[in-house]
N, C-alpha and C. Protein backbone atom coordinates (compact mmCIF):
# COMPACT_ATOMS: atom_id res chain seq x y z
N MET A 1 0.85 -1.19 0.00
CA MET A 1 0.00 0.00 0.00
C MET A 1 0.89 1.25 0.00
N ASP A 2 0.59 2.14 -0.90
CA ASP A 2 1.39 3.35 -0.99
C ASP A 2 1.19 4.23 0.24
N HIS A 3 2.29 4.79 0.69
CA HIS A 3 2.23 5.72 1.82
C HIS A 3 1.84 7.11 1.31
N VAL A 4 0.80 7.66 1.90
CA VAL A 4 0.33 8.99 1.51
C VAL A 4 0.70 9.97 2.62
N GLU A 5 1.52 10.94 2.27
CA GLU A 5 1.92 11.92 3.27
C GLU A 5 0.78 12.89 3.55
N GLN A 6 0.60 13.19 4.82
CA GLN A 6 -0.44 14.15 5.21
C GLN A 6 0.03 15.56 4.93
N ASP A 7 -0.88 16.39 4.46
CA ASP A 7 -0.57 17.79 4.23
C ASP A 7 -0.11 18.42 5.55
N PRO A 8 1.06 19.10 5.57
CA PRO A 8 1.57 19.67 6.82
C PRO A 8 0.60 20.63 7.48
N GLN A 9 -0.08 21.45 6.70
CA GLN A 9 -1.03 22.38 7.28
C GLN A 9 -2.20 21.66 7.92
N ALA A 10 -2.69 20.61 7.26
CA ALA A 10 -3.79 19.83 7.83
C ALA A 10 -3.34 19.12 9.10
N ALA A 11 -2.09 18.62 9.10
CA ALA A 11 -1.57 17.94 10.29
C ALA A 11 -1.46 18.91 11.46
N PHE A 12 -0.97 20.11 11.17
CA PHE A 12 -0.88 21.11 12.23
C PHE A 12 -2.26 21.46 12.77
N ARG A 13 -3.22 21.67 11.86
CA ARG A 13 -4.56 22.07 12.29
C ARG A 13 -5.22 20.97 13.13
N ALA A 14 -5.02 19.72 12.71
CA ALA A 14 -5.58 18.61 13.47
C ALA A 14 -4.98 18.54 14.87
N LEU A 15 -3.65 18.72 14.94
CA LEU A 15 -2.98 18.72 16.24
C LEU A 15 -3.47 19.87 17.10
N LEU A 16 -3.58 21.04 16.50
CA LEU A 16 -4.05 22.22 17.22
C LEU A 16 -5.42 22.00 17.82
N HIS A 17 -6.32 21.37 17.04
CA HIS A 17 -7.70 21.20 17.50
C HIS A 17 -7.85 20.13 18.57
N THR A 18 -6.81 19.33 18.80
CA THR A 18 -6.88 18.33 19.88
C THR A 18 -6.43 18.88 21.22
N GLN A 19 -5.88 20.10 21.21
CA GLN A 19 -5.38 20.66 22.46
C GLN A 19 -6.54 21.14 23.33
N ARG A 20 -6.39 20.91 24.61
CA ARG A 20 -7.44 21.26 25.56
C ARG A 20 -7.01 22.47 26.38
N VAL A 21 -7.99 23.15 26.93
CA VAL A 21 -7.75 24.29 27.80
C VAL A 21 -8.28 23.96 29.19
N TRP A 22 -7.43 24.15 30.20
CA TRP A 22 -7.83 24.03 31.60
C TRP A 22 -8.44 22.67 31.93
N ASP A 23 -7.66 21.61 31.64
CA ASP A 23 -8.06 20.27 32.08
C ASP A 23 -7.66 20.07 33.53
N VAL A 24 -7.96 21.06 34.34
CA VAL A 24 -7.66 21.04 35.76
C VAL A 24 -8.86 21.63 36.50
N SER A 25 -8.89 21.42 37.79
CA SER A 25 -9.94 22.03 38.60
C SER A 25 -9.59 23.50 38.82
N LEU A 26 -10.46 24.39 38.37
CA LEU A 26 -10.18 25.82 38.47
C LEU A 26 -10.72 26.39 39.77
N PRO A 27 -10.00 27.34 40.35
CA PRO A 27 -10.45 27.90 41.63
C PRO A 27 -11.63 28.83 41.46
N ALA A 28 -12.35 29.03 42.55
CA ALA A 28 -13.45 29.99 42.57
C ALA A 28 -12.88 31.39 42.76
N PHE A 29 -13.63 32.37 42.31
CA PHE A 29 -13.22 33.77 42.47
C PHE A 29 -14.47 34.59 42.72
N ASP A 30 -14.50 35.31 43.82
CA ASP A 30 -15.62 36.17 44.16
C ASP A 30 -15.17 37.62 44.04
N PRO A 31 -15.49 38.28 42.93
CA PRO A 31 -15.05 39.68 42.76
C PRO A 31 -15.56 40.61 43.85
N ALA A 32 -16.74 40.30 44.41
CA ALA A 32 -17.30 41.17 45.45
C ALA A 32 -16.43 41.18 46.70
N ALA A 33 -15.65 40.11 46.91
CA ALA A 33 -14.80 40.02 48.09
C ALA A 33 -13.38 40.51 47.82
N ALA A 34 -13.13 41.00 46.62
CA ALA A 34 -11.79 41.46 46.27
C ALA A 34 -11.46 42.75 47.01
N PRO A 35 -10.18 42.99 47.27
CA PRO A 35 -9.80 44.22 47.98
C PRO A 35 -10.04 45.47 47.14
N GLY A 36 -9.93 46.63 47.76
CA GLY A 36 -10.23 47.88 47.09
C GLY A 36 -9.18 48.34 46.11
N GLU A 37 -8.00 47.73 46.11
CA GLU A 37 -6.94 48.06 45.16
C GLU A 37 -6.29 46.78 44.67
N PRO A 38 -5.62 46.82 43.51
CA PRO A 38 -5.19 45.57 42.88
C PRO A 38 -3.96 44.89 43.47
N LEU A 39 -3.06 45.64 44.10
CA LEU A 39 -1.80 45.05 44.54
C LEU A 39 -1.99 43.88 45.51
N PRO A 40 -2.82 44.01 46.57
CA PRO A 40 -2.99 42.86 47.46
C PRO A 40 -3.57 41.63 46.76
N LEU A 41 -4.47 41.85 45.80
CA LEU A 41 -5.03 40.72 45.07
C LEU A 41 -3.97 40.08 44.18
N PHE A 42 -3.11 40.90 43.57
CA PHE A 42 -2.03 40.33 42.77
C PHE A 42 -1.09 39.49 43.64
N HIS A 43 -0.72 40.01 44.78
CA HIS A 43 0.15 39.25 45.69
C HIS A 43 -0.50 37.91 46.05
N ARG A 44 -1.79 37.92 46.31
CA ARG A 44 -2.49 36.69 46.68
C ARG A 44 -2.53 35.71 45.52
N TRP A 45 -2.89 36.20 44.35
CA TRP A 45 -2.95 35.32 43.19
C TRP A 45 -1.58 34.77 42.83
N PHE A 46 -0.54 35.58 42.98
CA PHE A 46 0.80 35.10 42.69
C PHE A 46 1.16 33.94 43.64
N GLY A 47 0.88 34.13 44.93
CA GLY A 47 1.15 33.07 45.89
C GLY A 47 0.36 31.80 45.58
N GLU A 48 -0.87 31.96 45.14
CA GLU A 48 -1.69 30.80 44.80
C GLU A 48 -1.18 30.11 43.54
N ALA A 49 -0.65 30.88 42.59
CA ALA A 49 -0.07 30.29 41.39
C ALA A 49 1.16 29.45 41.75
N VAL A 50 2.00 29.98 42.65
CA VAL A 50 3.17 29.22 43.10
C VAL A 50 2.72 27.93 43.79
N ALA A 51 1.73 28.03 44.68
CA ALA A 51 1.25 26.87 45.42
C ALA A 51 0.64 25.83 44.49
N ALA A 52 0.06 26.28 43.37
CA ALA A 52 -0.57 25.36 42.42
C ALA A 52 0.44 24.71 41.48
N GLY A 53 1.72 25.07 41.61
CA GLY A 53 2.75 24.47 40.77
C GLY A 53 2.91 25.12 39.41
N GLN A 54 2.44 26.35 39.27
CA GLN A 54 2.60 27.04 38.00
C GLN A 54 4.09 27.23 37.67
N THR A 55 4.48 26.81 36.48
CA THR A 55 5.87 26.97 36.05
C THR A 55 6.19 28.44 35.80
N GLU A 56 7.27 28.90 36.37
CA GLU A 56 7.76 30.27 36.18
C GLU A 56 6.64 31.31 36.29
N PRO A 57 5.99 31.38 37.43
CA PRO A 57 4.88 32.34 37.58
C PRO A 57 5.33 33.79 37.54
N HIS A 58 6.63 34.03 37.68
CA HIS A 58 7.15 35.39 37.68
C HIS A 58 7.47 35.89 36.27
N THR A 59 7.19 35.08 35.24
CA THR A 59 7.38 35.55 33.88
C THR A 59 6.12 36.24 33.38
N MET A 60 6.30 37.21 32.49
CA MET A 60 5.18 38.00 32.00
C MET A 60 5.51 38.51 30.61
N THR A 61 4.49 38.89 29.88
CA THR A 61 4.68 39.50 28.56
C THR A 61 4.64 41.01 28.71
N LEU A 62 5.66 41.67 28.17
CA LEU A 62 5.73 43.12 28.13
C LEU A 62 5.47 43.58 26.70
N ALA A 63 4.48 44.46 26.51
CA ALA A 63 4.15 44.99 25.20
C ALA A 63 4.46 46.48 25.15
N THR A 64 5.15 46.89 24.09
CA THR A 64 5.51 48.28 23.87
C THR A 64 5.18 48.62 22.41
N VAL A 65 5.45 49.87 22.00
CA VAL A 65 5.31 50.23 20.59
C VAL A 65 6.61 50.85 20.11
N ASP A 66 6.90 50.66 18.81
CA ASP A 66 8.13 51.23 18.27
C ASP A 66 7.87 52.63 17.72
N ASP A 67 8.86 53.20 17.06
CA ASP A 67 8.75 54.59 16.61
C ASP A 67 7.76 54.77 15.47
N ARG A 68 7.25 53.67 14.91
CA ARG A 68 6.22 53.75 13.88
C ARG A 68 4.85 53.34 14.40
N GLY A 69 4.77 53.18 15.73
CA GLY A 69 3.50 52.81 16.34
C GLY A 69 3.15 51.34 16.22
N ARG A 70 4.11 50.51 15.82
CA ARG A 70 3.86 49.08 15.67
C ARG A 70 4.08 48.37 17.01
N PRO A 71 3.18 47.48 17.39
CA PRO A 71 3.33 46.80 18.68
C PRO A 71 4.50 45.83 18.68
N ASP A 72 5.08 45.66 19.85
CA ASP A 72 6.19 44.73 20.03
C ASP A 72 5.96 44.06 21.39
N ALA A 73 6.32 42.80 21.52
CA ALA A 73 6.09 42.09 22.78
C ALA A 73 7.17 41.05 22.99
N ARG A 74 7.45 40.77 24.26
CA ARG A 74 8.41 39.76 24.63
C ARG A 74 8.13 39.31 26.06
N VAL A 75 8.67 38.16 26.43
CA VAL A 75 8.49 37.62 27.79
C VAL A 75 9.72 37.95 28.61
N LEU A 76 9.51 38.45 29.81
CA LEU A 76 10.61 38.73 30.72
C LEU A 76 10.15 38.52 32.16
N MET A 77 11.03 38.78 33.11
CA MET A 77 10.74 38.46 34.51
C MET A 77 10.29 39.67 35.31
N LEU A 78 9.37 39.40 36.23
CA LEU A 78 8.96 40.41 37.20
C LEU A 78 10.03 40.50 38.28
N HIS A 79 10.42 41.72 38.63
CA HIS A 79 11.42 41.91 39.68
C HIS A 79 10.79 42.33 41.00
N ASP A 80 9.62 42.91 40.96
CA ASP A 80 8.92 43.29 42.19
C ASP A 80 7.54 43.80 41.81
N ALA A 81 6.67 43.86 42.78
CA ALA A 81 5.36 44.50 42.63
C ALA A 81 5.06 45.14 43.98
N ASP A 82 5.11 46.48 44.01
CA ASP A 82 4.93 47.20 45.26
C ASP A 82 4.05 48.42 45.03
N ALA A 83 4.03 49.32 45.99
CA ALA A 83 3.16 50.50 45.90
C ALA A 83 3.52 51.38 44.71
N ARG A 84 4.77 51.31 44.23
CA ARG A 84 5.17 52.12 43.07
C ARG A 84 4.65 51.53 41.77
N GLY A 85 4.56 50.20 41.71
CA GLY A 85 4.11 49.56 40.49
C GLY A 85 4.76 48.20 40.30
N TRP A 86 4.76 47.73 39.05
CA TRP A 86 5.31 46.42 38.69
C TRP A 86 6.67 46.65 38.04
N HIS A 87 7.70 45.97 38.54
CA HIS A 87 9.09 46.26 38.18
C HIS A 87 9.64 45.20 37.23
N PHE A 88 10.45 45.66 36.28
CA PHE A 88 11.21 44.79 35.39
C PHE A 88 12.49 45.53 35.01
N ALA A 89 13.40 44.85 34.33
CA ALA A 89 14.69 45.49 34.01
C ALA A 89 15.18 45.06 32.65
N SER A 90 16.01 45.91 32.07
CA SER A 90 16.63 45.64 30.77
C SER A 90 17.70 46.69 30.52
N HIS A 91 18.40 46.53 29.41
CA HIS A 91 19.33 47.57 28.98
C HIS A 91 18.54 48.74 28.40
N ALA A 92 18.93 49.95 28.75
CA ALA A 92 18.29 51.13 28.16
C ALA A 92 18.53 51.19 26.66
N THR A 93 19.58 50.53 26.19
CA THR A 93 19.92 50.53 24.77
C THR A 93 19.26 49.39 23.99
N SER A 94 18.51 48.53 24.67
CA SER A 94 17.82 47.44 23.99
C SER A 94 16.63 47.99 23.21
N ALA A 95 16.00 47.14 22.40
CA ALA A 95 14.83 47.58 21.64
C ALA A 95 13.73 48.08 22.58
N LYS A 96 13.47 47.32 23.64
CA LYS A 96 12.42 47.75 24.56
C LYS A 96 12.80 49.03 25.30
N GLY A 97 14.09 49.15 25.64
CA GLY A 97 14.56 50.36 26.31
C GLY A 97 14.39 51.60 25.44
N ARG A 98 14.74 51.46 24.16
CA ARG A 98 14.58 52.59 23.25
C ARG A 98 13.11 52.92 23.02
N GLN A 99 12.29 51.88 22.93
CA GLN A 99 10.87 52.11 22.73
C GLN A 99 10.24 52.80 23.93
N LEU A 100 10.63 52.39 25.12
CA LEU A 100 10.09 53.02 26.32
C LEU A 100 10.58 54.46 26.48
N ALA A 101 11.79 54.74 26.03
CA ALA A 101 12.29 56.11 26.09
C ALA A 101 11.46 57.03 25.20
N ALA A 102 11.05 56.51 24.03
CA ALA A 102 10.28 57.32 23.09
C ALA A 102 8.79 57.32 23.42
N HIS A 103 8.29 56.21 23.92
CA HIS A 103 6.85 56.08 24.23
C HIS A 103 6.73 55.39 25.59
N PRO A 104 6.80 56.13 26.68
CA PRO A 104 6.83 55.52 28.02
C PRO A 104 5.47 55.02 28.52
N GLU A 105 4.82 54.20 27.72
CA GLU A 105 3.59 53.51 28.10
C GLU A 105 3.76 52.05 27.71
N ALA A 106 3.19 51.14 28.50
CA ALA A 106 3.35 49.73 28.19
C ALA A 106 2.20 48.93 28.79
N ALA A 107 2.17 47.65 28.41
CA ALA A 107 1.20 46.72 28.97
C ALA A 107 1.95 45.47 29.43
N LEU A 108 1.44 44.85 30.48
CA LEU A 108 1.98 43.60 31.00
C LEU A 108 0.86 42.56 31.06
N VAL A 109 1.21 41.31 30.80
CA VAL A 109 0.24 40.21 30.92
C VAL A 109 0.91 39.04 31.62
N PHE A 110 0.29 38.57 32.68
CA PHE A 110 0.66 37.31 33.34
C PHE A 110 -0.38 36.26 32.96
N TYR A 111 0.08 35.04 32.67
CA TYR A 111 -0.85 33.94 32.40
C TYR A 111 -0.44 32.75 33.25
N TRP A 112 -1.34 32.34 34.11
CA TRP A 112 -1.10 31.21 35.01
C TRP A 112 -2.09 30.10 34.66
N ALA A 113 -1.66 29.24 33.72
CA ALA A 113 -2.54 28.19 33.20
C ALA A 113 -2.98 27.21 34.28
N ALA A 114 -2.14 27.00 35.30
CA ALA A 114 -2.48 26.04 36.35
C ALA A 114 -3.79 26.39 37.05
N GLN A 115 -4.18 27.67 36.99
CA GLN A 115 -5.43 28.08 37.61
C GLN A 115 -6.35 28.85 36.66
N GLY A 116 -6.02 28.85 35.38
CA GLY A 116 -6.86 29.53 34.41
C GLY A 116 -6.97 31.01 34.66
N ARG A 117 -5.86 31.64 35.03
CA ARG A 117 -5.90 33.04 35.41
C ARG A 117 -4.97 33.89 34.56
N GLN A 118 -5.41 35.11 34.31
CA GLN A 118 -4.58 36.14 33.69
C GLN A 118 -4.65 37.39 34.56
N VAL A 119 -3.58 38.16 34.51
CA VAL A 119 -3.58 39.52 35.07
C VAL A 119 -3.02 40.43 33.99
N ARG A 120 -3.77 41.47 33.65
CA ARG A 120 -3.38 42.40 32.59
C ARG A 120 -3.25 43.80 33.17
N LEU A 121 -2.17 44.49 32.80
CA LEU A 121 -1.92 45.84 33.32
C LEU A 121 -1.55 46.77 32.17
N ARG A 122 -1.96 48.04 32.30
CA ARG A 122 -1.55 49.08 31.36
C ARG A 122 -1.27 50.35 32.12
N GLY A 123 -0.22 51.08 31.68
CA GLY A 123 0.07 52.33 32.34
C GLY A 123 1.41 52.90 31.93
N PRO A 124 1.76 54.06 32.48
CA PRO A 124 3.04 54.71 32.17
C PRO A 124 4.20 53.98 32.83
N VAL A 125 5.35 54.08 32.18
CA VAL A 125 6.57 53.42 32.67
C VAL A 125 7.63 54.48 32.94
N SER A 126 8.31 54.36 34.07
CA SER A 126 9.42 55.24 34.40
C SER A 126 10.60 54.39 34.84
N SER A 127 11.77 54.98 34.89
CA SER A 127 12.96 54.26 35.34
C SER A 127 13.35 54.74 36.73
N VAL A 128 13.98 53.85 37.49
CA VAL A 128 14.46 54.21 38.82
C VAL A 128 15.87 54.75 38.70
N SER A 129 16.48 55.10 39.81
CA SER A 129 17.83 55.65 39.79
C SER A 129 18.85 54.61 39.33
N ALA A 130 20.00 55.10 38.87
CA ALA A 130 21.08 54.21 38.46
C ALA A 130 21.54 53.34 39.63
N GLU A 131 21.54 53.92 40.83
CA GLU A 131 21.97 53.17 42.02
C GLU A 131 21.03 52.01 42.31
N GLU A 132 19.72 52.27 42.22
CA GLU A 132 18.75 51.20 42.48
C GLU A 132 18.78 50.16 41.36
N SER A 133 19.01 50.60 40.14
CA SER A 133 19.09 49.65 39.03
C SER A 133 20.25 48.69 39.21
N LEU A 134 21.43 49.23 39.60
CA LEU A 134 22.59 48.36 39.79
C LEU A 134 22.42 47.46 41.01
N ALA A 135 21.80 47.98 42.07
CA ALA A 135 21.55 47.15 43.25
C ALA A 135 20.64 45.99 42.89
N ASP A 136 19.66 46.24 42.03
CA ASP A 136 18.77 45.19 41.56
C ASP A 136 19.56 44.12 40.80
N LEU A 137 20.45 44.55 39.92
CA LEU A 137 21.24 43.60 39.14
C LEU A 137 22.17 42.80 40.03
N HIS A 138 22.85 43.47 40.96
CA HIS A 138 23.84 42.78 41.79
C HIS A 138 23.21 41.85 42.82
N ALA A 139 21.90 42.01 43.04
CA ALA A 139 21.20 41.10 43.95
C ALA A 139 20.81 39.80 43.26
N ARG A 140 20.98 39.74 41.95
CA ARG A 140 20.59 38.56 41.19
C ARG A 140 21.77 37.60 41.03
N SER A 141 21.62 36.62 40.17
CA SER A 141 22.62 35.56 40.02
C SER A 141 23.82 36.03 39.21
N THR A 142 24.90 35.22 39.29
CA THR A 142 26.08 35.49 38.48
C THR A 142 25.72 35.45 37.00
N GLY A 143 24.83 34.52 36.63
CA GLY A 143 24.41 34.42 35.24
C GLY A 143 23.70 35.67 34.76
N ALA A 144 22.89 36.26 35.64
CA ALA A 144 22.19 37.49 35.27
C ALA A 144 23.18 38.63 35.03
N LEU A 145 24.18 38.73 35.91
CA LEU A 145 25.20 39.76 35.73
C LEU A 145 26.00 39.51 34.47
N ALA A 146 26.35 38.25 34.22
CA ALA A 146 27.10 37.93 33.00
C ALA A 146 26.31 38.29 31.76
N ALA A 147 25.02 38.00 31.77
CA ALA A 147 24.19 38.35 30.61
C ALA A 147 24.15 39.86 30.41
N ALA A 148 24.05 40.60 31.51
CA ALA A 148 24.03 42.07 31.41
C ALA A 148 25.36 42.60 30.90
N LEU A 149 26.45 41.99 31.36
CA LEU A 149 27.77 42.43 30.93
C LEU A 149 28.02 42.10 29.45
N THR A 150 27.40 41.04 28.97
CA THR A 150 27.55 40.70 27.56
C THR A 150 27.01 41.83 26.68
N GLY A 151 25.87 42.40 27.11
CA GLY A 151 25.33 43.59 26.46
C GLY A 151 24.91 43.37 25.02
N ARG A 152 24.81 44.48 24.29
CA ARG A 152 24.47 44.50 22.86
C ARG A 152 23.13 43.84 22.57
N GLN A 153 22.22 43.88 23.52
CA GLN A 153 20.93 43.22 23.36
C GLN A 153 20.18 43.78 22.15
N SER A 154 19.64 42.87 21.34
CA SER A 154 18.83 43.16 20.14
C SER A 154 19.66 43.62 18.95
N GLU A 155 20.99 43.75 19.10
CA GLU A 155 21.82 44.07 17.94
C GLU A 155 22.01 42.83 17.07
N VAL A 156 22.35 43.02 15.81
CA VAL A 156 22.58 41.89 14.90
C VAL A 156 23.85 41.15 15.32
N LEU A 157 23.76 39.83 15.40
CA LEU A 157 24.88 38.97 15.79
C LEU A 157 25.48 38.35 14.53
N THR A 158 26.79 38.50 14.36
CA THR A 158 27.42 37.99 13.14
C THR A 158 27.63 36.48 13.16
N SER A 159 27.85 35.90 14.35
CA SER A 159 28.06 34.45 14.43
C SER A 159 27.89 33.98 15.86
N GLU A 160 27.62 32.69 16.03
CA GLU A 160 27.53 32.11 17.36
C GLU A 160 28.88 32.14 18.06
N ALA A 161 29.95 32.06 17.28
CA ALA A 161 31.30 32.10 17.87
C ALA A 161 31.54 33.44 18.55
N GLU A 162 31.07 34.51 17.93
CA GLU A 162 31.22 35.83 18.54
C GLU A 162 30.48 35.90 19.87
N LEU A 163 29.27 35.34 19.90
CA LEU A 163 28.50 35.30 21.14
C LEU A 163 29.22 34.47 22.20
N ALA A 164 29.77 33.33 21.80
CA ALA A 164 30.47 32.46 22.75
C ALA A 164 31.65 33.19 23.38
N ARG A 165 32.41 33.91 22.58
CA ARG A 165 33.56 34.64 23.12
C ARG A 165 33.12 35.74 24.09
N ALA A 166 32.12 36.52 23.70
CA ALA A 166 31.65 37.61 24.55
C ALA A 166 31.04 37.07 25.83
N SER A 167 30.28 35.98 25.72
CA SER A 167 29.64 35.40 26.90
C SER A 167 30.66 34.84 27.87
N GLN A 168 31.69 34.17 27.35
CA GLN A 168 32.72 33.61 28.22
C GLN A 168 33.46 34.72 28.97
N ALA A 169 33.79 35.79 28.26
CA ALA A 169 34.48 36.91 28.90
C ALA A 169 33.59 37.55 29.95
N ALA A 170 32.29 37.64 29.69
CA ALA A 170 31.37 38.23 30.64
C ALA A 170 31.22 37.36 31.89
N TRP A 171 31.17 36.04 31.69
CA TRP A 171 31.09 35.13 32.84
C TRP A 171 32.34 35.27 33.72
N GLU A 172 33.49 35.31 33.10
CA GLU A 172 34.73 35.42 33.87
C GLU A 172 34.77 36.72 34.65
N ARG A 173 34.31 37.80 34.05
CA ARG A 173 34.30 39.08 34.77
C ARG A 173 33.26 39.07 35.89
N ALA A 174 32.09 38.49 35.63
CA ALA A 174 31.04 38.45 36.65
C ALA A 174 31.50 37.65 37.86
N GLN A 175 32.23 36.57 37.64
CA GLN A 175 32.73 35.77 38.75
C GLN A 175 33.83 36.49 39.51
N ALA A 176 34.67 37.22 38.79
CA ALA A 176 35.79 37.91 39.44
C ALA A 176 35.38 39.24 40.04
N GLU A 177 34.33 39.84 39.49
CA GLU A 177 33.92 41.19 39.91
C GLU A 177 32.39 41.23 40.08
N PRO A 178 31.87 40.63 41.16
CA PRO A 178 30.42 40.53 41.31
C PRO A 178 29.70 41.87 41.44
N ASP A 179 30.45 42.95 41.69
CA ASP A 179 29.85 44.29 41.75
C ASP A 179 30.16 45.11 40.50
N ALA A 180 30.46 44.44 39.40
CA ALA A 180 30.82 45.14 38.17
C ALA A 180 29.68 46.06 37.72
N PRO A 181 30.00 47.30 37.33
CA PRO A 181 28.96 48.22 36.88
C PRO A 181 28.52 47.90 35.46
N VAL A 182 27.25 48.14 35.18
CA VAL A 182 26.69 48.00 33.83
C VAL A 182 25.88 49.27 33.59
N ALA A 183 26.48 50.21 32.88
CA ALA A 183 25.92 51.56 32.79
C ALA A 183 24.53 51.60 32.18
N THR A 184 24.23 50.68 31.26
CA THR A 184 22.95 50.74 30.57
C THR A 184 21.84 49.95 31.26
N TRP A 185 22.20 49.19 32.30
CA TRP A 185 21.19 48.35 32.95
C TRP A 185 20.21 49.24 33.71
N THR A 186 18.93 49.06 33.44
CA THR A 186 17.91 49.95 33.98
C THR A 186 16.73 49.16 34.52
N ARG A 187 16.31 49.56 35.70
CA ARG A 187 15.10 48.98 36.27
C ARG A 187 13.94 49.93 36.00
N TYR A 188 12.87 49.36 35.46
CA TYR A 188 11.69 50.13 35.09
C TYR A 188 10.53 49.78 36.01
N VAL A 189 9.60 50.74 36.12
CA VAL A 189 8.40 50.52 36.92
C VAL A 189 7.18 50.94 36.11
N LEU A 190 6.25 50.02 35.93
CA LEU A 190 4.97 50.35 35.31
C LEU A 190 3.98 50.65 36.42
N ALA A 191 3.48 51.88 36.44
CA ALA A 191 2.48 52.32 37.43
C ALA A 191 1.11 52.22 36.76
N PRO A 192 0.35 51.18 37.01
CA PRO A 192 -0.83 50.91 36.18
C PRO A 192 -1.97 51.90 36.39
N ARG A 193 -2.62 52.19 35.27
CA ARG A 193 -3.90 52.89 35.31
C ARG A 193 -5.04 51.88 35.25
N GLU A 194 -4.74 50.70 34.72
CA GLU A 194 -5.74 49.62 34.64
C GLU A 194 -5.07 48.31 35.05
N VAL A 195 -5.78 47.53 35.84
CA VAL A 195 -5.34 46.17 36.18
C VAL A 195 -6.57 45.27 36.10
N GLU A 196 -6.50 44.27 35.26
CA GLU A 196 -7.62 43.34 35.11
C GLU A 196 -7.24 41.95 35.62
N PHE A 197 -8.11 41.37 36.42
CA PHE A 197 -7.96 40.00 36.91
C PHE A 197 -8.99 39.13 36.20
N PHE A 198 -8.50 38.13 35.50
CA PHE A 198 -9.33 37.24 34.69
C PHE A 198 -9.30 35.85 35.30
N GLN A 199 -10.46 35.34 35.67
CA GLN A 199 -10.57 33.97 36.17
C GLN A 199 -11.33 33.14 35.16
N GLY A 200 -10.64 32.16 34.56
CA GLY A 200 -11.27 31.30 33.58
C GLY A 200 -12.30 30.37 34.21
N ASP A 201 -13.25 29.96 33.39
CA ASP A 201 -14.32 29.06 33.82
C ASP A 201 -14.49 27.98 32.76
N GLU A 202 -14.66 26.72 33.18
CA GLU A 202 -14.76 25.61 32.25
C GLU A 202 -15.95 25.75 31.31
N ARG A 203 -17.00 26.45 31.75
CA ARG A 203 -18.19 26.66 30.92
C ARG A 203 -18.14 27.99 30.18
N ARG A 204 -16.96 28.61 30.19
CA ARG A 204 -16.70 29.88 29.51
C ARG A 204 -17.45 31.05 30.12
N ARG A 205 -17.85 30.91 31.36
CA ARG A 205 -18.44 32.03 32.09
C ARG A 205 -17.33 32.71 32.89
N HIS A 206 -16.36 33.22 32.15
CA HIS A 206 -15.18 33.80 32.77
C HIS A 206 -15.54 35.04 33.58
N LEU A 207 -14.81 35.22 34.67
CA LEU A 207 -14.99 36.41 35.51
C LEU A 207 -13.84 37.37 35.26
N ARG A 208 -14.19 38.63 34.99
CA ARG A 208 -13.18 39.66 34.72
C ARG A 208 -13.46 40.86 35.62
N LEU A 209 -12.50 41.14 36.48
CA LEU A 209 -12.60 42.28 37.39
C LEU A 209 -11.52 43.28 36.99
N ARG A 210 -11.94 44.50 36.67
CA ARG A 210 -10.99 45.53 36.28
C ARG A 210 -10.95 46.65 37.31
N TYR A 211 -9.72 46.99 37.71
CA TYR A 211 -9.47 48.17 38.54
C TYR A 211 -9.02 49.28 37.59
N ARG A 212 -9.52 50.49 37.80
CA ARG A 212 -9.20 51.59 36.90
C ARG A 212 -9.03 52.88 37.70
N ARG A 213 -8.05 53.69 37.32
CA ARG A 213 -7.87 55.00 37.95
C ARG A 213 -7.35 55.98 36.89
N GLU A 214 -7.56 57.25 37.12
CA GLU A 214 -7.20 58.25 36.13
C GLU A 214 -5.69 58.50 36.06
N ALA A 215 -5.01 58.41 37.20
CA ALA A 215 -3.58 58.69 37.22
C ALA A 215 -2.94 57.91 38.36
N PRO A 216 -1.63 57.63 38.26
CA PRO A 216 -0.93 56.96 39.36
C PRO A 216 -1.15 57.69 40.68
N GLY A 217 -1.48 56.94 41.72
CA GLY A 217 -1.73 57.53 43.02
C GLY A 217 -3.18 57.90 43.25
N GLY A 218 -4.00 57.83 42.19
CA GLY A 218 -5.41 58.17 42.32
C GLY A 218 -6.23 57.04 42.93
N ALA A 219 -7.51 57.32 43.17
CA ALA A 219 -8.40 56.32 43.74
C ALA A 219 -8.78 55.29 42.67
N TRP A 220 -8.91 54.05 43.10
CA TRP A 220 -9.28 52.96 42.19
C TRP A 220 -10.79 52.81 42.10
N GLU A 221 -11.27 52.58 40.89
CA GLU A 221 -12.65 52.17 40.66
C GLU A 221 -12.63 50.72 40.21
N ARG A 222 -13.68 49.98 40.57
CA ARG A 222 -13.75 48.57 40.18
C ARG A 222 -14.96 48.34 39.30
N GLU A 223 -14.83 47.45 38.33
CA GLU A 223 -15.97 47.14 37.47
C GLU A 223 -15.78 45.74 36.90
N LEU A 224 -16.90 45.07 36.67
CA LEU A 224 -16.89 43.77 36.02
C LEU A 224 -17.00 43.95 34.52
N LEU A 225 -16.38 43.05 33.75
CA LEU A 225 -16.42 43.08 32.30
C LEU A 225 -17.05 41.81 31.76
N TRP A 226 -17.75 41.95 30.66
CA TRP A 226 -18.25 40.75 29.99
C TRP A 226 -17.07 39.92 29.49
N PRO A 227 -17.20 38.60 29.57
CA PRO A 227 -16.09 37.75 29.08
C PRO A 227 -16.00 37.78 27.56
C-alpha cells in the first residue's frame, strides 16, 4: 500500500484542535470580596499560582510600541510589585529600552494556566535611579550579571562564535567582579492605570474584574467586564 503523506497544514490544524484548555480544577473567584486596590489581590494570586505548581509564575509578557506605532512584545521576569508599580529590568539601549524612552507607556500580561488566570496591566513606565538599578542587578545571580555584561541586546549577531567569546568573557568578569557596573542596565516601573484579573471558567463564564484610575496615586474604581 502506498504511503500517503499528510498535508503539513492539515496535520498542524488537526494537532491544534486536539489541544485542551484548563483540564484542571479551576479555583473559585468572588469579585465582590476582592480588595479595594489591585496590589494585594495580585500578591495573593501570585502566591496561589506558586502553590498550584505554575511553572515560572514570575514571567510576564511586556508589550511596547516602536517609533512607527507598531506593537512589540516579549516575555521577561517580574522583579517586584509594590506600591510604586510592577518592576522589570533591561538595557536602556535594547529595543524595549529605546521604545520606552520614546513612548513611556506599556502593557503587562501574566498567564497562570495552572489556575486559568490572567492579570493584565496598562500604564506609564518610568525608570528608577542608576543606584537602584545596579543594586537590583547585583542582587541577582552570576548568570544574570554575566548576561548584562555581555550587552548589545537586540543588535545583529554575526556568528555564534562571537557570542560564545563575549559570553565567556562576561562570565569570567562576573565571577571575578560581582559588583561590576553595567551603565545601561535599567530597572523600570509600570504604574498601572488599569489592572484586570481574569478567572477562567470551564463553561466559559469567565470572571473579569478591572481596577481603573485616572492617574498613578489616584483612587481605584472597580468594574466587572463581559467575558
